[in-house]
Amino acid sequence: MAEKVNQKQVVPRVLIVRPAWLEMALEILRATTK
C-alpha cells in the first residue's frame, strides 16, 4: 500500500514538472502575440 501511495505522489510531481516549461512557453507566446 505504501508503494502505491508513493507512485501516486510521484505521478503528480512529473505532471507538475512537465507543464512548468509549457506554461513558460505559453506565456512567452502570449507576450509575443501581444
N, C-alpha and C. Protein backbone atom coordinates (compact mmCIF):
# COMPACT_ATOMS: atom_id res chain seq x y z
N MET A 1 0.85 -1.20 0.00
CA MET A 1 0.00 0.00 0.00
C MET A 1 0.88 1.25 0.00
N ALA A 2 1.93 1.22 0.79
CA ALA A 2 2.82 2.38 0.86
C ALA A 2 3.41 2.66 -0.53
N GLU A 3 3.74 1.59 -1.24
CA GLU A 3 4.31 1.79 -2.59
C GLU A 3 3.30 2.46 -3.51
N LYS A 4 2.04 2.07 -3.39
CA LYS A 4 1.00 2.66 -4.25
C LYS A 4 0.87 4.16 -3.96
N VAL A 5 0.94 4.52 -2.70
CA VAL A 5 0.84 5.95 -2.33
C VAL A 5 2.04 6.70 -2.89
N ASN A 6 3.21 6.06 -2.81
CA ASN A 6 4.42 6.71 -3.33
C ASN A 6 4.29 6.96 -4.83
N GLN A 7 3.80 5.95 -5.56
CA GLN A 7 3.64 6.09 -7.01
C GLN A 7 2.67 7.23 -7.31
N LYS A 8 1.59 7.32 -6.54
CA LYS A 8 0.58 8.36 -6.79
C LYS A 8 1.19 9.74 -6.54
N GLN A 9 2.12 9.82 -5.60
CA GLN A 9 2.76 11.11 -5.30
C GLN A 9 3.80 11.45 -6.37
N VAL A 10 4.39 10.41 -6.96
CA VAL A 10 5.42 10.66 -7.99
C VAL A 10 4.76 11.11 -9.30
N VAL A 11 3.59 10.56 -9.61
CA VAL A 11 2.91 10.91 -10.88
C VAL A 11 2.58 12.41 -10.93
N PRO A 12 1.93 12.96 -9.91
CA PRO A 12 1.58 14.39 -9.94
C PRO A 12 2.84 15.25 -10.02
N ARG A 13 3.93 14.80 -9.43
CA ARG A 13 5.17 15.59 -9.49
C ARG A 13 5.62 15.73 -10.95
N VAL A 14 5.60 14.64 -11.68
CA VAL A 14 6.01 14.68 -13.10
C VAL A 14 5.04 15.57 -13.89
N LEU A 15 3.75 15.47 -13.55
CA LEU A 15 2.75 16.28 -14.27
C LEU A 15 2.97 17.76 -13.99
N ILE A 16 3.40 18.08 -12.77
CA ILE A 16 3.63 19.50 -12.42
C ILE A 16 4.93 19.98 -13.06
N VAL A 17 5.91 19.09 -13.12
CA VAL A 17 7.23 19.49 -13.68
C VAL A 17 7.12 19.67 -15.20
N ARG A 18 6.36 18.81 -15.85
CA ARG A 18 6.27 18.88 -17.33
C ARG A 18 5.63 20.19 -17.79
N PRO A 19 4.47 20.54 -17.28
CA PRO A 19 3.80 21.77 -17.74
C PRO A 19 4.56 23.03 -17.31
N ALA A 20 5.55 22.89 -16.44
CA ALA A 20 6.32 24.07 -15.99
C ALA A 20 6.90 24.79 -17.21
N TRP A 21 7.63 24.08 -18.06
CA TRP A 21 8.22 24.74 -19.24
C TRP A 21 7.12 25.08 -20.25
N LEU A 22 6.07 24.25 -20.26
CA LEU A 22 4.97 24.52 -21.20
C LEU A 22 4.29 25.83 -20.85
N GLU A 23 4.07 26.05 -19.57
CA GLU A 23 3.42 27.30 -19.14
C GLU A 23 4.32 28.49 -19.50
N MET A 24 5.61 28.33 -19.30
CA MET A 24 6.55 29.42 -19.63
C MET A 24 6.50 29.69 -21.14
N ALA A 25 6.47 28.63 -21.93
CA ALA A 25 6.41 28.80 -23.39
C ALA A 25 5.11 29.50 -23.78
N LEU A 26 4.02 29.13 -23.13
CA LEU A 26 2.72 29.76 -23.44
C LEU A 26 2.76 31.24 -23.06
N GLU A 27 3.40 31.56 -21.94
CA GLU A 27 3.48 32.96 -21.52
C GLU A 27 4.32 33.75 -22.52
N ILE A 28 5.41 33.16 -22.98
CA ILE A 28 6.27 33.85 -23.96
C ILE A 28 5.50 34.04 -25.26
N LEU A 29 4.74 33.00 -25.66
CA LEU A 29 3.96 33.11 -26.90
C LEU A 29 2.91 34.21 -26.76
N ARG A 30 2.28 34.27 -25.60
CA ARG A 30 1.25 35.30 -25.39
C ARG A 30 1.88 36.68 -25.42
N ALA A 31 3.03 36.82 -24.79
CA ALA A 31 3.71 38.13 -24.78
C ALA A 31 4.12 38.50 -26.20
N THR A 32 4.57 37.51 -26.97
CA THR A 32 5.00 37.80 -28.35
C THR A 32 3.78 38.15 -29.20
N THR A 33 2.67 37.47 -28.96
CA THR A 33 1.46 37.75 -29.76
C THR A 33 0.94 39.15 -29.44
N LYS A 34 1.01 39.53 -28.15
CA LYS A 34 0.52 40.87 -27.77
C LYS A 34 1.46 41.90 -28.35
